Amino acid sequence: MAGPFTLVPSAARTASGNSGPLGLAGTAVLDLEVAVTAVSGTTPSMTLSVTWSDDGTNFGAPDGGGDTFTALTAAGTVVKQLQAKGLYAQIAWAITGTNPSFTFAVLAAT
């Protein structure tokens, strides 16, 4: 797998969701960059996490956690490097607040 590439394309999102499965093909390390370009609403907050799977269908968080980004509340860029914990990864986001909207993209490199 090559990188960097767009895992989640830039768009305004108002609800929780996920990226769908990303096959890691023997990758040991996953570098992620989240670029938030716009935030609106009352007390908007977005938490991103990486879940893992060996079959590409059933995803879960690692025992002991650690694969979650700090909650985002404003525009900016954050990066995180993770050790692969499965054959597939998925980016999940939870958006909360009153009428929240986050415009963001997620880039990945292996």
PDB file of N, CA and C in Angstrom:
ATOM      1  N   MET A   1       0.850  -1.162   0.000  1.00  0.00           N
ATOM      2  CA  MET A   1       0.000   0.000   0.000  1.00  0.00           C
ATOM      3  C   MET A   1       0.897   1.227   0.000  1.00  0.00           C
ATOM      4  N   ALA A   2       0.529   2.233  -0.742  1.00  0.00           N
ATOM      5  CA  ALA A   2       1.302   3.468  -0.816  1.00  0.00           C
ATOM      6  C   ALA A   2       0.590   4.572  -0.067  1.00  0.00           C
ATOM      7  N   GLY A   3       1.209   5.674   0.062  1.00  0.00           N
ATOM      8  CA  GLY A   3       0.586   6.806   0.720  1.00  0.00           C
ATOM      9  C   GLY A   3       1.453   8.021   0.470  1.00  0.00           C
ATOM     10  N   PRO A   4       1.030   9.196   0.825  1.00  0.00           N
ATOM     11  CA  PRO A   4      -0.277   9.406   1.459  1.00  0.00           C
ATOM     12  C   PRO A   4      -1.413   9.321   0.447  1.00  0.00           C
ATOM     13  N   PHE A   5      -2.562   8.975   0.957  1.00  0.00           N
ATOM     14  CA  PHE A   5      -3.757   8.925   0.132  1.00  0.00           C
ATOM     15  C   PHE A   5      -4.938   9.365   0.980  1.00  0.00           C
ATOM     16  N   THR A   6      -6.022   9.735   0.317  1.00  0.00           N
ATOM     17  CA  THR A   6      -7.211  10.203   1.013  1.00  0.00           C
ATOM     18  C   THR A   6      -8.040   9.009   1.454  1.00  0.00           C
ATOM     19  N   LEU A   7      -8.205   8.887   2.743  1.00  0.00           N
ATOM     20  CA  LEU A   7      -9.018   7.814   3.313  1.00  0.00           C
ATOM     21  C   LEU A   7     -10.461   8.270   3.478  1.00  0.00           C
ATOM     22  N   VAL A   8     -10.630   9.517   3.921  1.00  0.00           N
ATOM     23  CA  VAL A   8     -11.959  10.130   4.057  1.00  0.00           C
ATOM     24  C   VAL A   8     -11.889  11.459   3.307  1.00  0.00           C
ATOM     25  N   PRO A   9     -12.624  11.617   2.199  1.00  0.00           N
ATOM     26  CA  PRO A   9     -12.558  12.856   1.434  1.00  0.00           C
ATOM     27  C   PRO A   9     -13.166  14.028   2.197  1.00  0.00           C
ATOM     28  N   SER A  10     -12.673  15.213   1.918  1.00  0.00           N
ATOM     29  CA  SER A  10     -13.171  16.411   2.576  1.00  0.00           C
ATOM     30  C   SER A  10     -14.641  16.651   2.238  1.00  0.00           C
ATOM     31  N   ALA A  11     -15.446  16.830   3.286  1.00  0.00           N
ATOM     32  CA  ALA A  11     -16.868  17.121   3.138  1.00  0.00           C
ATOM     33  C   ALA A  11     -17.384  17.605   4.483  1.00  0.00           C
ATOM     34  N   ALA A  12     -18.491  18.332   4.449  1.00  0.00           N
ATOM     35  CA  ALA A  12     -19.156  18.747   5.687  1.00  0.00           C
ATOM     36  C   ALA A  12     -19.971  17.563   6.197  1.00  0.00           C
ATOM     37  N   ARG A  13     -19.789  17.237   7.469  1.00  0.00           N
ATOM     38  CA  ARG A  13     -20.509  16.121   8.080  1.00  0.00           C
ATOM     39  C   ARG A  13     -21.192  16.589   9.351  1.00  0.00           C
ATOM     40  N   THR A  14     -22.420  16.124   9.553  1.00  0.00           N
ATOM     41  CA  THR A  14     -23.209  16.551  10.711  1.00  0.00           C
ATOM     42  C   THR A  14     -23.602  15.381  11.606  1.00  0.00           C
ATOM     43  N   ALA A  15     -23.195  14.181  11.250  1.00  0.00           N
ATOM     44  CA  ALA A  15     -23.561  12.988  12.012  1.00  0.00           C
ATOM     45  C   ALA A  15     -22.364  12.045  12.100  1.00  0.00           C
ATOM     46  N   SER A  16     -22.438  11.122  13.023  1.00  0.00           N
ATOM     47  CA  SER A  16     -21.388  10.125  13.189  1.00  0.00           C
ATOM     48  C   SER A  16     -21.336   9.212  11.972  1.00  0.00           C
ATOM     49  N   GLY A  17     -20.176   8.620  11.724  1.00  0.00           N
ATOM     50  CA  GLY A  17     -20.026   7.733  10.573  1.00  0.00           C
ATOM     51  C   GLY A  17     -18.687   7.035  10.606  1.00  0.00           C
ATOM     52  N   ASN A  18     -18.329   6.397   9.485  1.00  0.00           N
ATOM     53  CA  ASN A  18     -17.036   5.729   9.396  1.00  0.00           C
ATOM     54  C   ASN A  18     -16.545   5.694   7.957  1.00  0.00           C
ATOM     55  N   SER A  19     -15.279   5.322   7.816  1.00  0.00           N
ATOM     56  CA  SER A  19     -14.627   5.340   6.511  1.00  0.00           C
ATOM     57  C   SER A  19     -14.874   4.098   5.686  1.00  0.00           C
ATOM     58  N   GLY A  20     -15.346   3.038   6.299  1.00  0.00           N
ATOM     59  CA  GLY A  20     -15.344   1.756   5.618  1.00  0.00           C
ATOM     60  C   GLY A  20     -13.983   1.115   5.806  1.00  0.00           C
ATOM     61  N   PRO A  21     -13.817  -0.142   5.406  1.00  0.00           N
ATOM     62  CA  PRO A  21     -12.576  -0.867   5.683  1.00  0.00           C
ATOM     63  C   PRO A  21     -11.404  -0.415   4.815  1.00  0.00           C
ATOM     64  N   LEU A  22     -10.235  -0.410   5.425  1.00  0.00           N
ATOM     65  CA  LEU A  22      -8.992  -0.113   4.738  1.00  0.00           C
ATOM     66  C   LEU A  22      -8.085  -1.323   4.905  1.00  0.00           C
ATOM     67  N   GLY A  23      -7.813  -2.028   3.809  1.00  0.00           N
ATOM     68  CA  GLY A  23      -6.922  -3.184   3.863  1.00  0.00           C
ATOM     69  C   GLY A  23      -5.492  -2.743   4.095  1.00  0.00           C
ATOM     70  N   LEU A  24      -4.821  -3.339   5.053  1.00  0.00           N
ATOM     71  CA  LEU A  24      -3.469  -2.914   5.418  1.00  0.00           C
ATOM     72  C   LEU A  24      -2.373  -3.741   4.768  1.00  0.00           C
ATOM     73  N   ALA A  25      -2.692  -4.909   4.242  1.00  0.00           N
ATOM     74  CA  ALA A  25      -1.746  -5.723   3.466  1.00  0.00           C
ATOM     75  C   ALA A  25      -0.369  -5.835   4.114  1.00  0.00           C
ATOM     76  N   GLY A  26      -0.326  -6.267   5.369  1.00  0.00           N
ATOM     77  CA  GLY A  26       0.944  -6.488   6.043  1.00  0.00           C
ATOM     78  C   GLY A  26       1.603  -5.242   6.592  1.00  0.00           C
ATOM     79  N   THR A  27       0.908  -4.122   6.588  1.00  0.00           N
ATOM     80  CA  THR A  27       1.455  -2.877   7.100  1.00  0.00           C
ATOM     81  C   THR A  27       1.616  -2.943   8.615  1.00  0.00           C
ATOM     82  N   ALA A  28       2.737  -2.461   9.128  1.00  0.00           N
ATOM     83  CA  ALA A  28       2.983  -2.481  10.570  1.00  0.00           C
ATOM     84  C   ALA A  28       2.598  -1.163  11.237  1.00  0.00           C
ATOM     85  N   VAL A  29       2.729  -0.049  10.505  1.00  0.00           N
ATOM     86  CA  VAL A  29       2.480   1.275  11.077  1.00  0.00           C
ATOM     87  C   VAL A  29       1.535   2.043  10.164  1.00  0.00           C
ATOM     88  N   LEU A  30       0.568   2.731  10.774  1.00  0.00           N
ATOM     89  CA  LEU A  30      -0.395   3.546  10.036  1.00  0.00           C
ATOM     90  C   LEU A  30      -0.266   4.984  10.513  1.00  0.00           C
ATOM     91  N   ASP A  31       0.056   5.911   9.602  1.00  0.00           N
ATOM     92  CA  ASP A  31       0.139   7.339   9.900  1.00  0.00           C
ATOM     93  C   ASP A  31      -1.141   8.003   9.416  1.00  0.00           C
ATOM     94  N   LEU A  32      -1.815   8.724  10.303  1.00  0.00           N
ATOM     95  CA  LEU A  32      -3.068   9.396   9.958  1.00  0.00           C
ATOM     96  C   LEU A  32      -2.957  10.890  10.172  1.00  0.00           C
ATOM     97  N   GLU A  33      -3.543  11.653   9.270  1.00  0.00           N
ATOM     98  CA  GLU A  33      -3.631  13.105   9.395  1.00  0.00           C
ATOM     99  C   GLU A  33      -5.086  13.505   9.215  1.00  0.00           C
ATOM    100  N   VAL A  34      -5.630  14.202  10.200  1.00  0.00           N
ATOM    101  CA  VAL A  34      -7.001  14.710  10.141  1.00  0.00           C
ATOM    102  C   VAL A  34      -6.918  16.215   9.943  1.00  0.00           C
ATOM    103  N   ALA A  35      -7.499  16.708   8.851  1.00  0.00           N
ATOM    104  CA  ALA A  35      -7.507  18.135   8.546  1.00  0.00           C
ATOM    105  C   ALA A  35      -8.941  18.652   8.641  1.00  0.00           C
ATOM    106  N   VAL A  36      -9.212  19.423   9.677  1.00  0.00           N
ATOM    107  CA  VAL A  36     -10.531  20.023   9.881  1.00  0.00           C
ATOM    108  C   VAL A  36     -10.448  21.462   9.385  1.00  0.00           C
ATOM    109  N   THR A  37     -11.271  21.796   8.385  1.00  0.00           N
ATOM    110  CA  THR A  37     -11.201  23.135   7.798  1.00  0.00           C
ATOM    111  C   THR A  37     -12.342  24.051   8.222  1.00  0.00           C
ATOM    112  N   ALA A  38     -13.419  23.504   8.776  1.00  0.00           N
ATOM    113  CA  ALA A  38     -14.537  24.340   9.237  1.00  0.00           C
ATOM    114  C   ALA A  38     -15.321  23.604  10.311  1.00  0.00           C
ATOM    115  N   VAL A  39     -15.761  24.363  11.320  1.00  0.00           N
ATOM    116  CA  VAL A  39     -16.565  23.817  12.416  1.00  0.00           C
ATOM    117  C   VAL A  39     -17.659  24.834  12.717  1.00  0.00           C
ATOM    118  N   SER A  40     -18.883  24.342  12.915  1.00  0.00           N
ATOM    119  CA  SER A  40     -19.973  25.240  13.302  1.00  0.00           C
ATOM    120  C   SER A  40     -20.935  24.503  14.224  1.00  0.00           C
ATOM    121  N   GLY A  41     -21.838  25.271  14.829  1.00  0.00           N
ATOM    122  CA  GLY A  41     -22.812  24.721  15.756  1.00  0.00           C
ATOM    123  C   GLY A  41     -22.529  25.212  17.164  1.00  0.00           C
ATOM    124  N   THR A  42     -23.365  24.783  18.097  1.00  0.00           N
ATOM    125  CA  THR A  42     -23.189  25.133  19.495  1.00  0.00           C
ATOM    126  C   THR A  42     -22.521  23.965  20.203  1.00  0.00           C
ATOM    127  N   THR A  43     -21.404  24.225  20.840  1.00  0.00           N
ATOM    128  CA  THR A  43     -20.559  23.220  21.500  1.00  0.00           C
ATOM    129  C   THR A  43     -20.309  21.984  20.626  1.00  0.00           C
ATOM    130  N   PRO A  44     -19.852  22.194  19.381  1.00  0.00           N
ATOM    131  CA  PRO A  44     -19.565  21.044  18.517  1.00  0.00           C
ATOM    132  C   PRO A  44     -18.328  20.293  19.009  1.00  0.00           C
ATOM    133  N   SER A  45     -18.359  18.987  18.894  1.00  0.00           N
ATOM    134  CA  SER A  45     -17.225  18.156  19.267  1.00  0.00           C
ATOM    135  C   SER A  45     -17.206  16.922  18.364  1.00  0.00           C
ATOM    136  N   MET A  46     -16.005  16.523  17.958  1.00  0.00           N
ATOM    137  CA  MET A  46     -15.871  15.335  17.134  1.00  0.00           C
ATOM    138  C   MET A  46     -14.708  14.502  17.674  1.00  0.00           C
ATOM    139  N   THR A  47     -14.985  13.235  17.912  1.00  0.00           N
ATOM    140  CA  THR A  47     -13.952  12.304  18.345  1.00  0.00           C
ATOM    141  C   THR A  47     -13.771  11.254  17.261  1.00  0.00           C
ATOM    142  N   LEU A  48     -12.528  11.071  16.834  1.00  0.00           N
ATOM    143  CA  LEU A  48     -12.202  10.052  15.837  1.00  0.00           C
ATOM    144  C   LEU A  48     -11.468   8.912  16.514  1.00  0.00           C
ATOM    145  N   SER A  49     -11.756   7.705  16.060  1.00  0.00           N
ATOM    146  CA  SER A  49     -11.058   6.539  16.579  1.00  0.00           C
ATOM    147  C   SER A  49     -10.772   5.577  15.436  1.00  0.00           C
ATOM    148  N   VAL A  50      -9.789   4.736  15.658  1.00  0.00           N
ATOM    149  CA  VAL A  50      -9.438   3.710  14.689  1.00  0.00           C
ATOM    150  C   VAL A  50      -9.864   2.375  15.289  1.00  0.00           C
ATOM    151  N   THR A  51     -10.650   1.635  14.524  1.00  0.00           N
ATOM    152  CA  THR A  51     -11.037   0.291  14.935  1.00  0.00           C
ATOM    153  C   THR A  51     -10.364  -0.702  13.993  1.00  0.00           C
ATOM    154  N   TRP A  52     -10.274  -1.948  14.444  1.00  0.00           N
ATOM    155  CA  TRP A  52      -9.470  -2.952  13.739  1.00  0.00           C
ATOM    156  C   TRP A  52     -10.275  -4.208  13.476  1.00  0.00           C
ATOM    157  N   SER A  53      -9.863  -4.947  12.442  1.00  0.00           N
ATOM    158  CA  SER A  53     -10.554  -6.180  12.070  1.00  0.00           C
ATOM    159  C   SER A  53      -9.581  -7.116  11.369  1.00  0.00           C
ATOM    160  N   ASP A  54      -9.833  -8.402  11.489  1.00  0.00           N
ATOM    161  CA  ASP A  54      -9.068  -9.379  10.716  1.00  0.00           C
ATOM    162  C   ASP A  54      -9.862  -9.907   9.531  1.00  0.00           C
ATOM    163  N   ASP A  55     -11.178  -9.572   9.474  1.00  0.00           N
ATOM    164  CA  ASP A  55     -11.995 -10.055   8.364  1.00  0.00           C
ATOM    165  C   ASP A  55     -12.578  -8.934   7.499  1.00  0.00           C
ATOM    166  N   GLY A  56     -12.356  -7.664   7.870  1.00  0.00           N
ATOM    167  CA  GLY A  56     -12.868  -6.542   7.086  1.00  0.00           C
ATOM    168  C   GLY A  56     -14.343  -6.266   7.299  1.00  0.00           C
ATOM    169  N   THR A  57     -14.982  -6.995   8.209  1.00  0.00           N
ATOM    170  CA  THR A  57     -16.415  -6.832   8.474  1.00  0.00           C
ATOM    171  C   THR A  57     -16.699  -6.490   9.924  1.00  0.00           C
ATOM    172  N   ASN A  58     -16.090  -7.213  10.828  1.00  0.00           N
ATOM    173  CA  ASN A  58     -16.333  -7.046  12.261  1.00  0.00           C
ATOM    174  C   ASN A  58     -15.202  -6.232  12.880  1.00  0.00           C
ATOM    175  N   PHE A  59     -15.481  -4.959  13.192  1.00  0.00           N
ATOM    176  CA  PHE A  59     -14.469  -4.043  13.710  1.00  0.00           C
ATOM    177  C   PHE A  59     -14.649  -3.815  15.197  1.00  0.00           C
ATOM    178  N   GLY A  60     -13.534  -3.613  15.885  1.00  0.00           N
ATOM    179  CA  GLY A  60     -13.587  -3.319  17.307  1.00  0.00           C
ATOM    180  C   GLY A  60     -12.389  -2.497  17.736  1.00  0.00           C
ATOM    181  N   ALA A  61     -12.532  -1.883  18.920  1.00  0.00           N
ATOM    182  CA  ALA A  61     -11.444  -1.106  19.496  1.00  0.00           C
ATOM    183  C   ALA A  61     -10.447  -2.053  20.148  1.00  0.00           C
ATOM    184  N   PRO A  62      -9.180  -1.670  20.194  1.00  0.00           N
ATOM    185  CA  PRO A  62      -8.197  -2.536  20.834  1.00  0.00           C
ATOM    186  C   PRO A  62      -8.411  -2.594  22.339  1.00  0.00           C
ATOM    187  N   ASP A  63      -8.116  -3.715  22.933  1.00  0.00           N
ATOM    188  CA  ASP A  63      -8.175  -3.858  24.377  1.00  0.00           C
ATOM    189  C   ASP A  63      -7.177  -2.874  24.979  1.00  0.00           C
ATOM    190  N   GLY A  64      -7.625  -2.044  25.890  1.00  0.00           N
ATOM    191  CA  GLY A  64      -6.753  -1.037  26.487  1.00  0.00           C
ATOM    192  C   GLY A  64      -6.846   0.310  25.812  1.00  0.00           C
ATOM    193  N   GLY A  65      -7.576   0.406  24.683  1.00  0.00           N
ATOM    194  CA  GLY A  65      -7.777   1.699  24.017  1.00  0.00           C
ATOM    195  C   GLY A  65      -6.498   2.253  23.414  1.00  0.00           C
ATOM    196  N   GLY A  66      -6.430   3.565  23.318  1.00  0.00           N
ATOM    197  CA  GLY A  66      -5.248   4.231  22.798  1.00  0.00           C
ATOM    198  C   GLY A  66      -5.316   4.615  21.339  1.00  0.00           C
ATOM    199  N   ASP A  67      -6.311   4.153  20.619  1.00  0.00           N
ATOM    200  CA  ASP A  67      -6.399   4.475  19.199  1.00  0.00           C
ATOM    201  C   ASP A  67      -7.510   5.484  18.925  1.00  0.00           C
ATOM    202  N   THR A  68      -7.631   6.462  19.821  1.00  0.00           N
ATOM    203  CA  THR A  68      -8.634   7.522  19.695  1.00  0.00           C
ATOM    204  C   THR A  68      -7.937   8.880  19.706  1.00  0.00           C
ATOM    205  N   PHE A  69      -8.371   9.770  18.838  1.00  0.00           N
ATOM    206  CA  PHE A  69      -7.863  11.132  18.828  1.00  0.00           C
ATOM    207  C   PHE A  69      -8.528  11.924  19.948  1.00  0.00           C
ATOM    208  N   THR A  70      -7.838  12.929  20.458  1.00  0.00           N
ATOM    209  CA  THR A  70      -8.435  13.866  21.400  1.00  0.00           C
ATOM    210  C   THR A  70      -9.598  14.551  20.694  1.00  0.00           C
ATOM    211  N   ALA A  71     -10.675  14.836  21.434  1.00  0.00           N
ATOM    212  CA  ALA A  71     -11.856  15.479  20.837  1.00  0.00           C
ATOM    213  C   ALA A  71     -11.465  16.772  20.138  1.00  0.00           C
ATOM    214  N   LEU A  72     -11.991  16.960  18.934  1.00  0.00           N
ATOM    215  CA  LEU A  72     -11.732  18.165  18.141  1.00  0.00           C
ATOM    216  C   LEU A  72     -12.924  19.109  18.265  1.00  0.00           C
ATOM    217  N   THR A  73     -12.643  20.388  18.476  1.00  0.00           N
ATOM    218  CA  THR A  73     -13.707  21.379  18.627  1.00  0.00           C
ATOM    219  C   THR A  73     -13.497  22.601  17.744  1.00  0.00           C
ATOM    220  N   ALA A  74     -12.387  22.641  17.002  1.00  0.00           N
ATOM    221  CA  ALA A  74     -12.071  23.790  16.156  1.00  0.00           C
ATOM    222  C   ALA A  74     -11.300  23.316  14.924  1.00  0.00           C
ATOM    223  N   ALA A  75     -11.199  24.194  13.939  1.00  0.00           N
ATOM    224  CA  ALA A  75     -10.434  23.878  12.726  1.00  0.00           C
ATOM    225  C   ALA A  75      -8.961  23.695  13.089  1.00  0.00           C
ATOM    226  N   GLY A  76      -8.291  22.826  12.351  1.00  0.00           N
ATOM    227  CA  GLY A  76      -6.878  22.568  12.567  1.00  0.00           C
ATOM    228  C   GLY A  76      -6.512  21.198  12.037  1.00  0.00           C
ATOM    229  N   THR A  77      -5.252  20.826  12.205  1.00  0.00           N
ATOM    230  CA  THR A  77      -4.748  19.547  11.726  1.00  0.00           C
ATOM    231  C   THR A  77      -4.117  18.793  12.882  1.00  0.00           C
ATOM    232  N   VAL A  78      -4.432  17.516  12.981  1.00  0.00           N
ATOM    233  CA  VAL A  78      -3.819  16.650  13.986  1.00  0.00           C
ATOM    234  C   VAL A  78      -3.316  15.383  13.307  1.00  0.00           C
ATOM    235  N   VAL A  79      -2.255  14.814  13.857  1.00  0.00           N
ATOM    236  CA  VAL A  79      -1.681  13.592  13.300  1.00  0.00           C
ATOM    237  C   VAL A  79      -1.531  12.548  14.397  1.00  0.00           C
ATOM    238  N   LYS A  80      -1.558  11.296  13.991  1.00  0.00           N
ATOM    239  CA  LYS A  80      -1.396  10.196  14.938  1.00  0.00           C
ATOM    240  C   LYS A  80      -0.749   9.031  14.198  1.00  0.00           C
ATOM    241  N   GLN A  81       0.205   8.384  14.845  1.00  0.00           N
ATOM    242  CA  GLN A  81       0.840   7.194  14.284  1.00  0.00           C
ATOM    243  C   GLN A  81       0.444   6.005  15.155  1.00  0.00           C
ATOM    244  N   LEU A  82      -0.021   4.942  14.512  1.00  0.00           N
ATOM    245  CA  LEU A  82      -0.520   3.772  15.232  1.00  0.00           C
ATOM    246  C   LEU A  82       0.148   2.498  14.740  1.00  0.00           C
ATOM    247  N   GLN A  83       0.369   1.582  15.644  1.00  0.00           N
ATOM    248  CA  GLN A  83       0.796   0.240  15.285  1.00  0.00           C
ATOM    249  C   GLN A  83      -0.439  -0.511  14.791  1.00  0.00           C
ATOM    250  N   ALA A  84      -0.335  -1.202  13.675  1.00  0.00           N
ATOM    251  CA  ALA A  84      -1.460  -1.974  13.140  1.00  0.00           C
ATOM    252  C   ALA A  84      -1.822  -3.088  14.112  1.00  0.00           C
ATOM    253  N   LYS A  85      -3.122  -3.272  14.301  1.00  0.00           N
ATOM    254  CA  LYS A  85      -3.624  -4.291  15.221  1.00  0.00           C
ATOM    255  C   LYS A  85      -4.596  -5.249  14.535  1.00  0.00           C
ATOM    256  N   GLY A  86      -4.558  -5.270  13.214  1.00  0.00           N
ATOM    257  CA  GLY A  86      -5.412  -6.157  12.447  1.00  0.00           C
ATOM    258  C   GLY A  86      -5.056  -6.057  10.978  1.00  0.00           C
ATOM    259  N   LEU A  87      -5.741  -6.830  10.158  1.00  0.00           N
ATOM    260  CA  LEU A  87      -5.516  -6.802   8.716  1.00  0.00           C
ATOM    261  C   LEU A  87      -6.244  -5.650   8.043  1.00  0.00           C
ATOM    262  N   TYR A  88      -7.241  -5.089   8.757  1.00  0.00           N
ATOM    263  CA  TYR A  88      -8.027  -3.961   8.250  1.00  0.00           C
ATOM    264  C   TYR A  88      -8.158  -2.911   9.341  1.00  0.00           C
ATOM    265  N   ALA A  89      -8.251  -1.647   8.917  1.00  0.00           N
ATOM    266  CA  ALA A  89      -8.508  -0.537   9.835  1.00  0.00           C
ATOM    267  C   ALA A  89      -9.726   0.215   9.330  1.00  0.00           C
ATOM    268  N   GLN A  90     -10.367   0.931  10.228  1.00  0.00           N
ATOM    269  CA  GLN A  90     -11.518   1.759   9.882  1.00  0.00           C
ATOM    270  C   GLN A  90     -11.456   3.006  10.759  1.00  0.00           C
ATOM    271  N   ILE A  91     -11.742   4.162  10.166  1.00  0.00           N
ATOM    272  CA  ILE A  91     -11.820   5.408  10.913  1.00  0.00           C
ATOM    273  C   ILE A  91     -13.288   5.652  11.228  1.00  0.00           C
ATOM    274  N   ALA A  92     -13.583   5.832  12.504  1.00  0.00           N
ATOM    275  CA  ALA A  92     -14.951   6.131  12.930  1.00  0.00           C
ATOM    276  C   ALA A  92     -14.950   7.511  13.577  1.00  0.00           C
ATOM    277  N   TRP A  93     -16.014   8.276  13.335  1.00  0.00           N
ATOM    278  CA  TRP A  93     -16.119   9.589  13.975  1.00  0.00           C
ATOM    279  C   TRP A  93     -17.475   9.719  14.654  1.00  0.00           C
ATOM    280  N   ALA A  94     -17.442  10.360  15.825  1.00  0.00           N
ATOM    281  CA  ALA A  94     -18.654  10.641  16.593  1.00  0.00           C
ATOM    282  C   ALA A  94     -18.757  12.158  16.717  1.00  0.00           C
ATOM    283  N   ILE A  95     -19.850  12.710  16.190  1.00  0.00           N
ATOM    284  CA  ILE A  95     -20.070  14.158  16.197  1.00  0.00           C
ATOM    285  C   ILE A  95     -21.210  14.471  17.155  1.00  0.00           C
ATOM    286  N   THR A  96     -20.949  15.403  18.069  1.00  0.00           N
ATOM    287  CA  THR A  96     -21.962  15.804  19.040  1.00  0.00           C
ATOM    288  C   THR A  96     -22.053  17.325  19.108  1.00  0.00           C
ATOM    289  N   GLY A  97     -23.102  17.807  19.768  1.00  0.00           N
ATOM    290  CA  GLY A  97     -23.347  19.242  19.931  1.00  0.00           C
ATOM    291  C   GLY A  97     -24.726  19.574  19.411  1.00  0.00           C
ATOM    292  N   THR A  98     -25.038  20.853  19.410  1.00  0.00           N
ATOM    293  CA  THR A  98     -26.310  21.328  18.871  1.00  0.00           C
ATOM    294  C   THR A  98     -26.072  21.842  17.464  1.00  0.00           C
ATOM    295  N   ASN A  99     -26.691  21.221  16.482  1.00  0.00           N
ATOM    296  CA  ASN A  99     -26.500  21.548  15.055  1.00  0.00           C
ATOM    297  C   ASN A  99     -25.020  21.577  14.666  1.00  0.00           C
ATOM    298  N   PRO A 100     -24.260  20.538  15.025  1.00  0.00           N
ATOM    299  CA  PRO A 100     -22.830  20.555  14.715  1.00  0.00           C
ATOM    300  C   PRO A 100     -22.554  20.244  13.246  1.00  0.00           C
ATOM    301  N   SER A 101     -21.468  20.804  12.744  1.00  0.00           N
ATOM    302  CA  SER A 101     -20.989  20.506  11.398  1.00  0.00           C
ATOM    303  C   SER A 101     -19.467  20.592  11.399  1.00  0.00           C
ATOM    304  N   PHE A 102     -18.839  19.552  10.872  1.00  0.00           N
ATOM    305  CA  PHE A 102     -17.388  19.512  10.731  1.00  0.00           C
ATOM    306  C   PHE A 102     -17.056  19.236   9.280  1.00  0.00           C
ATOM    307  N   THR A 103     -16.244  20.081   8.673  1.00  0.00           N
ATOM    308  CA  THR A 103     -15.692  19.811   7.351  1.00  0.00           C
ATOM    309  C   THR A 103     -14.289  19.280   7.575  1.00  0.00           C
ATOM    310  N   PHE A 104     -14.067  18.016   7.194  1.00  0.00           N
ATOM    311  CA  PHE A 104     -12.763  17.414   7.461  1.00  0.00           C
ATOM    312  C   PHE A 104     -12.435  16.345   6.432  1.00  0.00           C
ATOM    313  N   ALA A 105     -11.139  16.025   6.387  1.00  0.00           N
ATOM    314  CA  ALA A 105     -10.620  14.937   5.557  1.00  0.00           C
ATOM    315  C   ALA A 105      -9.638  14.155   6.400  1.00  0.00           C
ATOM    316  N   VAL A 106      -9.440  12.881   6.060  1.00  0.00           N
ATOM    317  CA  VAL A 106      -8.439  12.069   6.723  1.00  0.00           C
ATOM    318  C   VAL A 106      -7.507  11.512   5.652  1.00  0.00           C
ATOM    319  N   LEU A 107      -6.212  11.762   5.823  1.00  0.00           N
ATOM    320  CA  LEU A 107      -5.185  11.229   4.937  1.00  0.00           C
ATOM    321  C   LEU A 107      -4.450  10.124   5.674  1.00  0.00           C
ATOM    322  N   ALA A 108      -3.982   9.136   4.938  1.00  0.00           N
ATOM    323  CA  ALA A 108      -3.267   8.015   5.541  1.00  0.00           C
ATOM    324  C   ALA A 108      -2.012   7.722   4.753  1.00  0.00           C
ATOM    325  N   ALA A 109      -1.009   7.195   5.447  1.00  0.00           N
ATOM    326  CA  ALA A 109       0.218   6.729   4.818  1.00  0.00           C
ATOM    327  C   ALA A 109       0.684   5.512   5.600  1.00  0.00           C
ATOM    328  N   THR A 110       1.305   4.593   4.906  1.00  0.00           N
ATOM    329  CA  THR A 110       1.809   3.392   5.572  1.00  0.00           C
ATOM    330  C   THR A 110       3.273   3.201   5.221  1.00  0.00           C
TER     331      THR A 110
END
